Amino acid sequence: MRDIVFRGSAFDDFNAWSKADKHTFKRLVKLIEETRRNPYDGIGKPEPLKHQLAGCWSRRINVQHRMIYIVTDVAIEIISCKFHYK
């Protein structure tokens, strides 16, 4: 199973959810667990991104927010877990 790595401000985003919105935080934890098991399928409607974010994948946290991540051989690198594609 791949490791989870937070890049840039993604870990700050993750921690912010734990304080601001417990429901969204639980959803995000579930998405991360699912992504770790199967990076390209499952809950959150995973989709490959295009243009500047080519090579990244996205899953819906909720209507407004997305989790953006990169899949490598050894890790899931979470780039963002707040807002829409930035």
PDB file of N, CA and C in Angstrom:
ATOM      1  N   MET A   1       0.846  -1.180   0.000  1.00  0.00           N
ATOM      2  CA  MET A   1       0.000   0.000   0.000  1.00  0.00           C
ATOM      3  C   MET A   1       0.895   1.247   0.000  1.00  0.00           C
ATOM      4  N   ARG A   2       0.458   2.264  -0.714  1.00  0.00           N
ATOM      5  CA  ARG A   2       1.249   3.495  -0.833  1.00  0.00           C
ATOM      6  C   ARG A   2       1.180   4.352   0.435  1.00  0.00           C
ATOM      7  N   ASP A   3       2.267   5.082   0.684  1.00  0.00           N
ATOM      8  CA  ASP A   3       2.300   6.050   1.778  1.00  0.00           C
ATOM      9  C   ASP A   3       1.489   7.285   1.387  1.00  0.00           C
ATOM     10  N   ILE A   4       1.072   8.051   2.381  1.00  0.00           N
ATOM     11  CA  ILE A   4       0.405   9.333   2.148  1.00  0.00           C
ATOM     12  C   ILE A   4       1.401  10.439   2.476  1.00  0.00           C
ATOM     13  N   VAL A   5       1.598  11.356   1.526  1.00  0.00           N
ATOM     14  CA  VAL A   5       2.521  12.474   1.698  1.00  0.00           C
ATOM     15  C   VAL A   5       1.754  13.759   1.408  1.00  0.00           C
ATOM     16  N   PHE A   6       1.850  14.729   2.302  1.00  0.00           N
ATOM     17  CA  PHE A   6       1.225  16.032   2.088  1.00  0.00           C
ATOM     18  C   PHE A   6       2.281  16.992   1.562  1.00  0.00           C
ATOM     19  N   ARG A   7       1.971  17.690   0.465  1.00  0.00           N
ATOM     20  CA  ARG A   7       2.899  18.661  -0.117  1.00  0.00           C
ATOM     21  C   ARG A   7       2.388  20.073   0.116  1.00  0.00           C
ATOM     22  N   GLY A   8       3.332  20.998   0.253  1.00  0.00           N
ATOM     23  CA  GLY A   8       2.971  22.410   0.393  1.00  0.00           C
ATOM     24  C   GLY A   8       2.054  22.644   1.577  1.00  0.00           C
ATOM     25  N   SER A   9       0.970  23.351   1.327  1.00  0.00           N
ATOM     26  CA  SER A   9       0.032  23.708   2.402  1.00  0.00           C
ATOM     27  C   SER A   9      -1.079  22.676   2.589  1.00  0.00           C
ATOM     28  N   ALA A  10      -0.984  21.532   1.932  1.00  0.00           N
ATOM     29  CA  ALA A  10      -2.049  20.527   2.008  1.00  0.00           C
ATOM     30  C   ALA A  10      -2.283  20.036   3.437  1.00  0.00           C
ATOM     31  N   PHE A  11      -1.212  19.874   4.216  1.00  0.00           N
ATOM     32  CA  PHE A  11      -1.394  19.411   5.590  1.00  0.00           C
ATOM     33  C   PHE A  11      -2.070  20.484   6.439  1.00  0.00           C
ATOM     34  N   ASP A  12      -1.758  21.748   6.171  1.00  0.00           N
ATOM     35  CA  ASP A  12      -2.447  22.845   6.862  1.00  0.00           C
ATOM     36  C   ASP A  12      -3.934  22.831   6.521  1.00  0.00           C
ATOM     37  N   ASP A  13      -4.258  22.592   5.244  1.00  0.00           N
ATOM     38  CA  ASP A  13      -5.660  22.474   4.822  1.00  0.00           C
ATOM     39  C   ASP A  13      -6.342  21.335   5.579  1.00  0.00           C
ATOM     40  N   PHE A  14      -5.669  20.185   5.627  1.00  0.00           N
ATOM     41  CA  PHE A  14      -6.189  18.998   6.308  1.00  0.00           C
ATOM     42  C   PHE A  14      -6.491  19.314   7.777  1.00  0.00           C
ATOM     43  N   ASN A  15      -5.544  19.933   8.459  1.00  0.00           N
ATOM     44  CA  ASN A  15      -5.744  20.295   9.868  1.00  0.00           C
ATOM     45  C   ASN A  15      -6.841  21.336  10.047  1.00  0.00           C
ATOM     46  N   ALA A  16      -6.957  22.260   9.106  1.00  0.00           N
ATOM     47  CA  ALA A  16      -8.005  23.284   9.187  1.00  0.00           C
ATOM     48  C   ALA A  16      -9.388  22.639   9.167  1.00  0.00           C
ATOM     49  N   TRP A  17      -9.564  21.596   8.348  1.00  0.00           N
ATOM     50  CA  TRP A  17     -10.853  20.906   8.305  1.00  0.00           C
ATOM     51  C   TRP A  17     -11.171  20.259   9.652  1.00  0.00           C
ATOM     52  N   SER A  18     -10.161  19.744  10.346  1.00  0.00           N
ATOM     53  CA  SER A  18     -10.422  19.078  11.628  1.00  0.00           C
ATOM     54  C   SER A  18     -11.003  20.050  12.654  1.00  0.00           C
ATOM     55  N   LYS A  19     -10.683  21.329  12.508  1.00  0.00           N
ATOM     56  CA  LYS A  19     -11.181  22.342  13.445  1.00  0.00           C
ATOM     57  C   LYS A  19     -12.451  23.024  12.943  1.00  0.00           C
ATOM     58  N   ALA A  20     -12.551  23.222  11.638  1.00  0.00           N
ATOM     59  CA  ALA A  20     -13.641  24.030  11.080  1.00  0.00           C
ATOM     60  C   ALA A  20     -14.919  23.243  10.810  1.00  0.00           C
ATOM     61  N   ASP A  21     -14.780  21.990  10.366  1.00  0.00           N
ATOM     62  CA  ASP A  21     -15.964  21.244   9.931  1.00  0.00           C
ATOM     63  C   ASP A  21     -15.699  19.747  10.086  1.00  0.00           C
ATOM     64  N   LYS A  22     -16.174  19.179  11.168  1.00  0.00           N
ATOM     65  CA  LYS A  22     -15.913  17.760  11.472  1.00  0.00           C
ATOM     66  C   LYS A  22     -16.473  16.831  10.399  1.00  0.00           C
ATOM     67  N   HIS A  23     -17.639  17.158   9.863  1.00  0.00           N
ATOM     68  CA  HIS A  23     -18.239  16.315   8.825  1.00  0.00           C
ATOM     69  C   HIS A  23     -17.343  16.269   7.583  1.00  0.00           C
ATOM     70  N   THR A  24     -16.886  17.418   7.136  1.00  0.00           N
ATOM     71  CA  THR A  24     -16.006  17.481   5.968  1.00  0.00           C
ATOM     72  C   THR A  24     -14.678  16.801   6.269  1.00  0.00           C
ATOM     73  N   PHE A  25     -14.172  16.959   7.477  1.00  0.00           N
ATOM     74  CA  PHE A  25     -12.922  16.307   7.869  1.00  0.00           C
ATOM     75  C   PHE A  25     -13.053  14.783   7.786  1.00  0.00           C
ATOM     76  N   LYS A  26     -14.165  14.241   8.307  1.00  0.00           N
ATOM     77  CA  LYS A  26     -14.385  12.789   8.243  1.00  0.00           C
ATOM     78  C   LYS A  26     -14.480  12.318   6.798  1.00  0.00           C
ATOM     79  N   ARG A  27     -15.145  13.094   5.963  1.00  0.00           N
ATOM     80  CA  ARG A  27     -15.247  12.764   4.538  1.00  0.00           C
ATOM     81  C   ARG A  27     -13.855  12.751   3.904  1.00  0.00           C
ATOM     82  N   LEU A  28     -13.031  13.721   4.227  1.00  0.00           N
ATOM     83  CA  LEU A  28     -11.682  13.807   3.681  1.00  0.00           C
ATOM     84  C   LEU A  28     -10.835  12.612   4.115  1.00  0.00           C
ATOM     85  N   VAL A  29     -10.930  12.233   5.378  1.00  0.00           N
ATOM     86  CA  VAL A  29     -10.191  11.062   5.868  1.00  0.00           C
ATOM     87  C   VAL A  29     -10.622   9.812   5.101  1.00  0.00           C
ATOM     88  N   LYS A  30     -11.926   9.671   4.880  1.00  0.00           N
ATOM     89  CA  LYS A  30     -12.449   8.532   4.125  1.00  0.00           C
ATOM     90  C   LYS A  30     -11.923   8.545   2.685  1.00  0.00           C
ATOM     91  N   LEU A  31     -11.883   9.722   2.065  1.00  0.00           N
ATOM     92  CA  LEU A  31     -11.347   9.840   0.703  1.00  0.00           C
ATOM     93  C   LEU A  31      -9.873   9.448   0.648  1.00  0.00           C
ATOM     94  N   ILE A  32      -9.109   9.878   1.632  1.00  0.00           N
ATOM     95  CA  ILE A  32      -7.680   9.543   1.660  1.00  0.00           C
ATOM     96  C   ILE A  32      -7.495   8.033   1.806  1.00  0.00           C
ATOM     97  N   GLU A  33      -8.262   7.401   2.687  1.00  0.00           N
ATOM     98  CA  GLU A  33      -8.177   5.948   2.859  1.00  0.00           C
ATOM     99  C   GLU A  33      -8.541   5.224   1.568  1.00  0.00           C
ATOM    100  N   GLU A  34      -9.609   5.662   0.913  1.00  0.00           N
ATOM    101  CA  GLU A  34     -10.038   5.049  -0.347  1.00  0.00           C
ATOM    102  C   GLU A  34      -8.991   5.253  -1.437  1.00  0.00           C
ATOM    103  N   THR A  35      -8.416   6.444  -1.493  1.00  0.00           N
ATOM    104  CA  THR A  35      -7.394   6.744  -2.496  1.00  0.00           C
ATOM    105  C   THR A  35      -6.165   5.877  -2.279  1.00  0.00           C
ATOM    106  N   ARG A  36      -5.827   5.651  -1.052  1.00  0.00           N
ATOM    107  CA  ARG A  36      -4.681   4.796  -0.735  1.00  0.00           C
ATOM    108  C   ARG A  36      -4.911   3.372  -1.239  1.00  0.00           C
ATOM    109  N   ARG A  37      -6.127   2.870  -1.098  1.00  0.00           N
ATOM    110  CA  ARG A  37      -6.464   1.525  -1.568  1.00  0.00           C
ATOM    111  C   ARG A  37      -6.559   1.454  -3.085  1.00  0.00           C
ATOM    112  N   ASN A  38      -7.218   2.458  -3.671  1.00  0.00           N
ATOM    113  CA  ASN A  38      -7.440   2.446  -5.116  1.00  0.00           C
ATOM    114  C   ASN A  38      -7.407   3.880  -5.631  1.00  0.00           C
ATOM    115  N   PRO A  39      -6.258   4.349  -6.118  1.00  0.00           N
ATOM    116  CA  PRO A  39      -6.098   5.760  -6.482  1.00  0.00           C
ATOM    117  C   PRO A  39      -6.946   6.227  -7.665  1.00  0.00           C
ATOM    118  N   TYR A  40      -7.409   5.307  -8.493  1.00  0.00           N
ATOM    119  CA  TYR A  40      -8.064   5.704  -9.736  1.00  0.00           C
ATOM    120  C   TYR A  40      -9.555   5.389  -9.788  1.00  0.00           C
ATOM    121  N   ASP A  41     -10.122   4.875  -8.702  1.00  0.00           N
ATOM    122  CA  ASP A  41     -11.521   4.467  -8.716  1.00  0.00           C
ATOM    123  C   ASP A  41     -12.088   4.616  -7.307  1.00  0.00           C
ATOM    124  N   GLY A  42     -13.407   4.635  -7.183  1.00  0.00           N
ATOM    125  CA  GLY A  42     -14.041   4.671  -5.871  1.00  0.00           C
ATOM    126  C   GLY A  42     -14.823   5.945  -5.619  1.00  0.00           C
ATOM    127  N   ILE A  43     -14.975   6.277  -4.348  1.00  0.00           N
ATOM    128  CA  ILE A  43     -15.802   7.419  -3.958  1.00  0.00           C
ATOM    129  C   ILE A  43     -15.141   8.743  -4.333  1.00  0.00           C
ATOM    130  N   GLY A  44     -15.945   9.776  -4.432  1.00  0.00           N
ATOM    131  CA  GLY A  44     -15.430  11.113  -4.728  1.00  0.00           C
ATOM    132  C   GLY A  44     -15.236  11.392  -6.208  1.00  0.00           C
ATOM    133  N   LYS A  45     -15.711  10.499  -7.052  1.00  0.00           N
ATOM    134  CA  LYS A  45     -15.603  10.658  -8.514  1.00  0.00           C
ATOM    135  C   LYS A  45     -14.182  11.026  -8.958  1.00  0.00           C
ATOM    136  N   PRO A  46     -13.216  10.131  -8.758  1.00  0.00           N
ATOM    137  CA  PRO A  46     -11.844  10.451  -9.167  1.00  0.00           C
ATOM    138  C   PRO A  46     -11.757  10.728 -10.662  1.00  0.00           C
ATOM    139  N   GLU A  47     -11.002  11.762 -11.011  1.00  0.00           N
ATOM    140  CA  GLU A  47     -10.819  12.081 -12.425  1.00  0.00           C
ATOM    141  C   GLU A  47      -9.423  12.647 -12.653  1.00  0.00           C
ATOM    142  N   PRO A  48      -8.817  12.271 -13.781  1.00  0.00           N
ATOM    143  CA  PRO A  48      -7.511  12.842 -14.118  1.00  0.00           C
ATOM    144  C   PRO A  48      -7.686  14.298 -14.528  1.00  0.00           C
ATOM    145  N   LEU A  49      -6.748  15.131 -14.135  1.00  0.00           N
ATOM    146  CA  LEU A  49      -6.826  16.550 -14.466  1.00  0.00           C
ATOM    147  C   LEU A  49      -6.037  16.847 -15.734  1.00  0.00           C
ATOM    148  N   LYS A  50      -6.311  18.000 -16.310  1.00  0.00           N
ATOM    149  CA  LYS A  50      -5.702  18.387 -17.583  1.00  0.00           C
ATOM    150  C   LYS A  50      -4.962  19.710 -17.427  1.00  0.00           C
ATOM    151  N   HIS A  51      -4.348  20.116 -18.517  1.00  0.00           N
ATOM    152  CA  HIS A  51      -3.676  21.413 -18.631  1.00  0.00           C
ATOM    153  C   HIS A  51      -2.562  21.552 -17.595  1.00  0.00           C
ATOM    154  N   GLN A  52      -2.567  22.625 -16.781  1.00  0.00           N
ATOM    155  CA  GLN A  52      -1.478  22.856 -15.830  1.00  0.00           C
ATOM    156  C   GLN A  52      -1.375  21.743 -14.783  1.00  0.00           C
ATOM    157  N   LEU A  53      -2.462  21.054 -14.536  1.00  0.00           N
ATOM    158  CA  LEU A  53      -2.473  20.001 -13.516  1.00  0.00           C
ATOM    159  C   LEU A  53      -2.438  18.597 -14.115  1.00  0.00           C
ATOM    160  N   ALA A  54      -2.011  18.480 -15.362  1.00  0.00           N
ATOM    161  CA  ALA A  54      -1.893  17.163 -15.996  1.00  0.00           C
ATOM    162  C   ALA A  54      -0.973  16.292 -15.150  1.00  0.00           C
ATOM    163  N   GLY A  55      -1.368  15.053 -14.954  1.00  0.00           N
ATOM    164  CA  GLY A  55      -0.617  14.138 -14.098  1.00  0.00           C
ATOM    165  C   GLY A  55      -1.196  14.045 -12.697  1.00  0.00           C
ATOM    166  N   CYS A  56      -2.056  14.990 -12.357  1.00  0.00           N
ATOM    167  CA  CYS A  56      -2.728  14.988 -11.051  1.00  0.00           C
ATOM    168  C   CYS A  56      -4.118  14.375 -11.194  1.00  0.00           C
ATOM    169  N   TRP A  57      -4.661  13.964 -10.073  1.00  0.00           N
ATOM    170  CA  TRP A  57      -6.024  13.454  -9.999  1.00  0.00           C
ATOM    171  C   TRP A  57      -6.813  14.285  -8.997  1.00  0.00           C
ATOM    172  N   SER A  58      -8.136  14.239  -9.127  1.00  0.00           N
ATOM    173  CA  SER A  58      -9.022  14.997  -8.251  1.00  0.00           C
ATOM    174  C   SER A  58     -10.134  14.091  -7.732  1.00  0.00           C
ATOM    175  N   ARG A  59     -10.533  14.319  -6.487  1.00  0.00           N
ATOM    176  CA  ARG A  59     -11.725  13.687  -5.909  1.00  0.00           C
ATOM    177  C   ARG A  59     -12.534  14.773  -5.207  1.00  0.00           C
ATOM    178  N   ARG A  60     -13.846  14.645  -5.278  1.00  0.00           N
ATOM    179  CA  ARG A  60     -14.740  15.606  -4.628  1.00  0.00           C
ATOM    180  C   ARG A  60     -14.794  15.372  -3.128  1.00  0.00           C
ATOM    181  N   ILE A  61     -14.487  16.406  -2.383  1.00  0.00           N
ATOM    182  CA  ILE A  61     -14.706  16.370  -0.938  1.00  0.00           C
ATOM    183  C   ILE A  61     -16.166  16.742  -0.686  1.00  0.00           C
ATOM    184  N   ASN A  62     -16.601  17.809  -1.339  1.00  0.00           N
ATOM    185  CA  ASN A  62     -17.997  18.244  -1.311  1.00  0.00           C
ATOM    186  C   ASN A  62     -18.234  19.080  -2.573  1.00  0.00           C
ATOM    187  N   VAL A  63     -19.331  19.781  -2.647  1.00  0.00           N
ATOM    188  CA  VAL A  63     -19.662  20.548  -3.851  1.00  0.00           C
ATOM    189  C   VAL A  63     -18.591  21.587  -4.167  1.00  0.00           C
ATOM    190  N   GLN A  64     -18.043  22.212  -3.152  1.00  0.00           N
ATOM    191  CA  GLN A  64     -17.108  23.316  -3.350  1.00  0.00           C
ATOM    192  C   GLN A  64     -15.640  22.894  -3.357  1.00  0.00           C
ATOM    193  N   HIS A  65     -15.281  21.864  -2.618  1.00  0.00           N
ATOM    194  CA  HIS A  65     -13.871  21.544  -2.384  1.00  0.00           C
ATOM    195  C   HIS A  65     -13.452  20.227  -3.036  1.00  0.00           C
ATOM    196  N   ARG A  66     -12.175  20.173  -3.452  1.00  0.00           N
ATOM    197  CA  ARG A  66     -11.599  18.993  -4.083  1.00  0.00           C
ATOM    198  C   ARG A  66     -10.294  18.616  -3.401  1.00  0.00           C
ATOM    199  N   MET A  67      -9.997  17.327  -3.409  1.00  0.00           N
ATOM    200  CA  MET A  67      -8.680  16.848  -3.004  1.00  0.00           C
ATOM    201  C   MET A  67      -7.899  16.582  -4.290  1.00  0.00           C
ATOM    202  N   ILE A  68      -6.751  17.223  -4.430  1.00  0.00           N
ATOM    203  CA  ILE A  68      -5.903  17.064  -5.604  1.00  0.00           C
ATOM    204  C   ILE A  68      -4.688  16.243  -5.179  1.00  0.00           C
ATOM    205  N   TYR A  69      -4.356  15.212  -5.967  1.00  0.00           N
ATOM    206  CA  TYR A  69      -3.250  14.341  -5.584  1.00  0.00           C
ATOM    207  C   TYR A  69      -2.513  13.797  -6.806  1.00  0.00           C
ATOM    208  N   ILE A  70      -1.287  13.347  -6.546  1.00  0.00           N
ATOM    209  CA  ILE A  70      -0.452  12.698  -7.553  1.00  0.00           C
ATOM    210  C   ILE A  70      -0.183  11.280  -7.057  1.00  0.00           C
ATOM    211  N   VAL A  71      -0.236  10.323  -7.969  1.00  0.00           N
ATOM    212  CA  VAL A  71       0.045   8.935  -7.629  1.00  0.00           C
ATOM    213  C   VAL A  71       1.442   8.579  -8.124  1.00  0.00           C
ATOM    214  N   THR A  72       2.289   8.079  -7.229  1.00  0.00           N
ATOM    215  CA  THR A  72       3.607   7.565  -7.615  1.00  0.00           C
ATOM    216  C   THR A  72       3.647   6.077  -7.264  1.00  0.00           C
ATOM    217  N   ASP A  73       4.751   5.431  -7.566  1.00  0.00           N
ATOM    218  CA  ASP A  73       4.885   4.004  -7.256  1.00  0.00           C
ATOM    219  C   ASP A  73       4.834   3.725  -5.759  1.00  0.00           C
ATOM    220  N   VAL A  74       5.267   4.682  -4.956  1.00  0.00           N
ATOM    221  CA  VAL A  74       5.378   4.439  -3.515  1.00  0.00           C
ATOM    222  C   VAL A  74       4.467   5.309  -2.652  1.00  0.00           C
ATOM    223  N   ALA A  75       3.844   6.339  -3.234  1.00  0.00           N
ATOM    224  CA  ALA A  75       3.076   7.274  -2.400  1.00  0.00           C
ATOM    225  C   ALA A  75       1.903   7.903  -3.144  1.00  0.00           C
ATOM    226  N   ILE A  76       0.967   8.378  -2.356  1.00  0.00           N
ATOM    227  CA  ILE A  76      -0.081   9.288  -2.812  1.00  0.00           C
ATOM    228  C   ILE A  76       0.340  10.644  -2.265  1.00  0.00           C
ATOM    229  N   GLU A  77       0.641  11.582  -3.148  1.00  0.00           N
ATOM    230  CA  GLU A  77       1.082  12.915  -2.735  1.00  0.00           C
ATOM    231  C   GLU A  77      -0.102  13.866  -2.828  1.00  0.00           C
ATOM    232  N   ILE A  78      -0.587  14.317  -1.686  1.00  0.00           N
ATOM    233  CA  ILE A  78      -1.733  15.221  -1.649  1.00  0.00           C
ATOM    234  C   ILE A  78      -1.218  16.645  -1.801  1.00  0.00           C
ATOM    235  N   ILE A  79      -1.707  17.304  -2.837  1.00  0.00           N
ATOM    236  CA  ILE A  79      -1.267  18.658  -3.160  1.00  0.00           C
ATOM    237  C   ILE A  79      -2.183  19.695  -2.524  1.00  0.00           C
ATOM    238  N   SER A  80      -3.477  19.390  -2.496  1.00  0.00           N
ATOM    239  CA  SER A  80      -4.449  20.339  -1.966  1.00  0.00           C
ATOM    240  C   SER A  80      -5.676  19.576  -1.494  1.00  0.00           C
ATOM    241  N   CYS A  81      -6.299  20.073  -0.438  1.00  0.00           N
ATOM    242  CA  CYS A  81      -7.561  19.472  -0.004  1.00  0.00           C
ATOM    243  C   CYS A  81      -8.525  20.555   0.467  1.00  0.00           C
ATOM    244  N   LYS A  82      -8.449  21.680  -0.215  1.00  0.00           N
ATOM    245  CA  LYS A  82      -9.352  22.787   0.071  1.00  0.00           C
ATOM    246  C   LYS A  82      -9.537  23.587  -1.211  1.00  0.00           C
ATOM    247  N   PHE A  83     -10.713  24.068  -1.428  1.00  0.00           N
ATOM    248  CA  PHE A  83     -11.087  24.859  -2.601  1.00  0.00           C
ATOM    249  C   PHE A  83     -11.170  23.983  -3.847  1.00  0.00           C
ATOM    250  N   HIS A  84     -11.388  24.639  -4.954  1.00  0.00           N
ATOM    251  CA  HIS A  84     -11.423  23.970  -6.248  1.00  0.00           C
ATOM    252  C   HIS A  84     -10.046  24.160  -6.864  1.00  0.00           C
ATOM    253  N   TYR A  85      -9.774  23.555  -7.978  1.00  0.00           N
ATOM    254  CA  TYR A  85      -8.432  23.535  -8.576  1.00  0.00           C
ATOM    255  C   TYR A  85      -7.746  24.887  -8.498  1.00  0.00           C
ATOM    256  N   LYS A  86      -6.572  24.932  -7.805  1.00  0.00           N
ATOM    257  CA  LYS A  86      -5.831  26.184  -7.738  1.00  0.00           C
ATOM    258  C   LYS A  86      -4.485  26.048  -8.407  1.00  0.00           C
TER     259      LYS A  86
END
